[in-house]
Protein backbone atom coordinates (compact mmCIF):
# COMPACT_ATOMS: atom_id res chain seq x y z
CA MET A 1 20.34 -7.47 -19.18
CA ILE A 2 18.45 -10.26 -17.40
CA ALA A 3 19.31 -8.72 -14.03
CA ASN A 4 17.76 -5.43 -15.15
CA ALA A 5 14.59 -7.20 -16.31
CA VAL A 6 14.30 -9.04 -12.99
CA ALA A 7 14.92 -5.83 -11.05
CA LEU A 8 12.27 -4.02 -13.10
CA GLY A 9 9.84 -6.88 -12.51
CA PHE A 10 10.33 -6.77 -8.74
CA ARG A 11 10.12 -2.97 -8.67
CA ASP A 12 6.89 -3.05 -10.69
CA LEU A 13 5.47 -5.82 -8.48
CA ILE A 14 6.10 -3.77 -5.36
CA GLY A 15 4.69 -0.67 -7.04
CA PHE A 16 1.59 -2.60 -8.08
CA THR A 17 1.22 -3.99 -4.54
CA LEU A 18 1.42 -0.51 -3.00
CA THR A 19 -0.99 0.92 -5.57
CA THR A 20 -3.46 -1.91 -5.04
CA ALA A 21 -3.32 -1.52 -1.27
CA ALA A 22 -3.81 2.25 -1.56
CA GLY A 23 -6.79 1.89 -3.87
CA ALA A 24 -8.43 -0.60 -1.54
CA LYS A 25 -7.81 1.68 1.47
CA LEU A 26 -9.32 4.67 -0.33
CA VAL A 27 -12.44 2.69 -1.21
CA SER A 28 -12.96 1.53 2.38
CA LEU A 29 -11.53 4.31 4.52
CA ASP A 30 -13.61 3.42 7.59
CA GLY A 31 -11.73 0.19 8.26
CA PHE A 32 -8.33 1.75 7.70
CA GLU A 33 -9.27 4.69 9.92
CA MET A 34 -10.24 2.26 12.69
CA THR A 35 -6.87 0.51 12.28
CA LEU A 36 -5.04 3.82 12.82
CA ILE A 37 -7.12 4.47 15.93
CA GLY A 38 -6.58 0.89 17.15
CA LEU A 39 -2.82 1.33 16.81
CA GLY A 40 -3.08 4.37 19.06
CA LEU A 41 -1.94 6.81 16.38
CA LEU A 42 -5.06 8.92 16.93
CA PRO A 43 -7.33 9.05 19.98
CA THR A 44 -10.78 9.08 18.38
CA ARG A 45 -12.65 8.80 15.15
CA GLY A 46 -13.31 12.01 13.29
CA THR A 47 -11.84 14.53 10.92
CA PRO A 48 -8.12 14.22 11.86
CA SER A 49 -8.14 10.43 11.66
CA ARG A 50 -10.03 10.52 8.35
CA TYR A 51 -7.50 12.98 6.89
CA LEU A 52 -4.57 10.89 8.10
CA ALA A 53 -6.09 7.77 6.51
CA ILE A 54 -6.55 9.63 3.21
CA VAL A 55 -3.03 11.10 3.27
CA ILE A 56 -1.42 7.72 3.98
CA ALA A 57 -3.41 6.02 1.22
CA LEU A 58 -2.64 8.76 -1.32
CA ALA A 59 1.06 8.74 -0.41
CA GLU A 60 1.09 4.97 -0.82
CA ALA A 61 -0.63 5.28 -4.23
CA LEU A 62 1.81 7.93 -5.42
CA THR A 63 4.77 5.88 -4.23
CA GLY A 64 3.50 2.81 -6.06
CA LEU A 65 2.87 4.78 -9.25
CA LEU A 66 6.34 6.32 -9.14
CA LEU A 67 7.93 2.92 -8.58
CA ILE A 68 6.10 1.56 -11.62
CA SER A 69 6.93 4.59 -13.76
CA GLY A 70 10.63 4.51 -12.88
CA ILE A 71 10.77 8.27 -12.41
CA ALA A 72 13.56 9.39 -10.02
CA PRO A 73 14.41 5.83 -8.89
CA PHE A 74 16.82 6.76 -6.10
CA ALA A 75 14.52 9.40 -4.61
CA ILE A 76 11.51 7.11 -4.77
CA THR A 77 13.56 4.33 -3.17
CA ILE A 78 14.09 6.57 -0.17
CA VAL A 79 10.37 7.40 -0.02
CA ALA A 80 9.29 3.77 -0.52
CA SER A 81 11.80 2.57 2.08
CA GLY A 82 10.53 5.12 4.60
CA MET A 83 6.95 4.08 3.92
CA LEU A 84 7.74 0.38 4.28
CA LEU A 85 9.68 1.09 7.48
CA SER A 86 6.64 2.89 8.89
CA PHE A 87 4.50 -0.14 7.98
CA LEU A 88 7.03 -2.36 9.79
CA CYS A 89 6.77 -0.12 12.86
CA ALA A 90 2.96 -0.33 12.79
CA ILE A 91 3.11 -4.12 12.62
CA LEU A 92 5.68 -4.26 15.44
CA ILE A 93 3.51 -1.97 17.60
CA ALA A 94 0.47 -4.18 17.02
CA LEU A 95 2.39 -7.39 17.71
CA SER A 96 4.23 -6.09 20.78
CA ARG A 97 1.00 -4.75 22.32
CA ARG A 98 -0.88 -7.91 21.31
CA LEU A 99 -3.54 -5.75 19.69
CA GLU A 100 -6.45 -7.65 18.23
CA ILE A 101 -7.32 -5.30 15.40
CA ALA A 102 -7.60 -5.90 11.69
CA CYS A 103 -4.80 -4.36 9.68
CA HIS A 104 -6.91 -3.42 6.63
CA CYS A 105 -3.69 -3.30 4.60
CA PHE A 106 -5.79 -3.95 1.51
CA GLY A 107 -8.93 -2.18 2.69
CA SER A 108 -12.00 -4.35 2.97
CA LEU A 109 -10.36 -6.99 0.78
CA THR A 110 -8.52 -8.25 3.86
CA GLY A 111 -9.56 -8.10 7.47
CA THR A 112 -6.76 -10.20 8.89
CA GLN A 113 -4.98 -9.24 12.05
CA PHE A 114 -1.39 -8.10 12.19
CA SER A 115 0.93 -11.10 12.09
CA GLY A 116 4.48 -12.30 11.74
CA ALA A 117 3.71 -13.25 8.14
CA GLY A 118 2.75 -9.64 7.41
CA LEU A 119 5.94 -8.48 9.06
CA LEU A 120 8.01 -10.79 6.85
CA ARG A 121 6.10 -9.69 3.72
CA VAL A 122 6.82 -6.00 4.37
CA LEU A 123 10.43 -6.75 5.27
CA ALA A 124 10.85 -8.68 1.98
CA MET A 125 9.35 -5.76 0.06
CA LEU A 126 11.75 -3.37 1.76
CA VAL A 127 14.77 -5.52 0.90
CA LEU A 128 13.62 -5.87 -2.72
CA VAL A 129 13.07 -2.13 -3.12
CA VAL A 130 16.55 -1.37 -1.86
CA LEU A 131 18.29 -4.15 -3.81
CA THR A 132 16.56 -3.64 -7.15
CA THR A 133 16.81 0.14 -7.45
CA PRO A 134 20.37 0.42 -8.82
CA ALA A 135 19.70 -2.07 -11.64
CA ALA A 136 16.21 -0.76 -12.38
CA SER A 137 17.42 2.84 -12.55
CA ALA A 138 19.31 2.04 -15.75
CA ALA A 139 16.05 1.24 -17.57
CA PRO A 140 14.53 3.87 -19.85
CA VAL A 141 11.55 5.77 -18.49
CA GLY A 142 8.82 7.39 -20.52
CA ALA A 143 5.33 8.78 -20.39
CA ALA A 144 4.00 5.35 -21.36
CA SER A 145 5.17 3.92 -18.02
CA LEU A 146 3.32 6.57 -16.06
CA ALA A 147 0.21 6.14 -18.23
CA ILE A 148 0.27 2.40 -17.58
CA ALA A 149 0.69 3.02 -13.85
CA LEU A 150 -2.31 5.39 -13.81
CA PHE A 151 -4.36 2.90 -15.81
CA ILE A 152 -3.49 0.15 -13.30
CA PHE A 153 -4.47 2.42 -10.40
CA ALA A 154 -7.83 3.25 -12.02
CA GLY A 155 -8.47 -0.44 -12.62
CA VAL A 156 -7.57 -1.32 -9.05
CA MET A 157 -9.90 1.40 -7.73
CA GLY A 158 -12.72 -0.03 -9.84
CA LEU A 159 -12.06 -3.59 -8.67
CA ALA A 160 -11.79 -2.51 -5.04
CA ALA A 161 -15.06 -0.57 -5.28
CA GLN A 162 -16.80 -3.57 -6.84
CA ALA A 163 -15.41 -5.96 -4.23
CA SER A 164 -16.35 -3.61 -1.40
CA SER A 165 -19.94 -3.21 -2.56
CA SER A 166 -20.25 -6.96 -3.19
CA LEU A 167 -19.03 -7.78 0.31
CA ALA A 168 -21.38 -5.18 1.80
CA ARG A 169 -24.29 -6.72 -0.08
CA ILE A 170 -23.36 -10.30 0.86
CA TYR A 171 -22.93 -9.52 4.56
CA ARG A 172 -25.78 -6.96 4.62
CA ILE A 173 -23.53 -4.17 5.79
CA PRO A 174 -25.13 -0.73 5.45
CA VAL A 175 -23.14 1.47 3.08
CA ARG A 176 -22.89 5.19 3.82
C-alpha cells in the first residue's frame, strides 16, 4: 500500500514536471525554437522550427497529463521513456559538441546551459518512470484525475505567462 502511494507520488511528480516544462515552452516558444536550431535539429528559424517546437511542447504536455491521470500506464511509460530518452540525447549532443546554448527546458523560466546536472535529472526521471509504473498501474483511475491534471496545466500556463511577461518588463525585452 505504501509502495503504491510512493509510486503514485513519483509518477505524479514527473507528470507535473513535464506539464510545467511544456507550459513554459509554449508560453515562450522563441527561446525553445532557438534551442532546437542551436542543437542542429533544424537549419534556420521559421515555420518548420516553430511547428517542431509546438509539437514537442504539446507532446510533453500530453505525456505529463497522462502520467498524472494514470490512464494506460504501460503505454504512457513507453511514450514518457521515449521522450525522456530524446531529452537525454539532446543533452548529450549539446555536451559532446560543447554547445553554448540555453536549454530553455522550462521556457523563459530557465536560461541555463545544458549541463551534467541536467543529464542526471533527466536520467533520474527516466529511471523513476520505469520503476514506478508497475506499482502505480494498480491504482484506480477516474475522470477526477484527468480533471486535476488539466487544472494543473491551466494553472501552470497562467503562471508561466505571468512570469514571462514580468521578466520581459523587468529586462525591457520587447514582446511580440
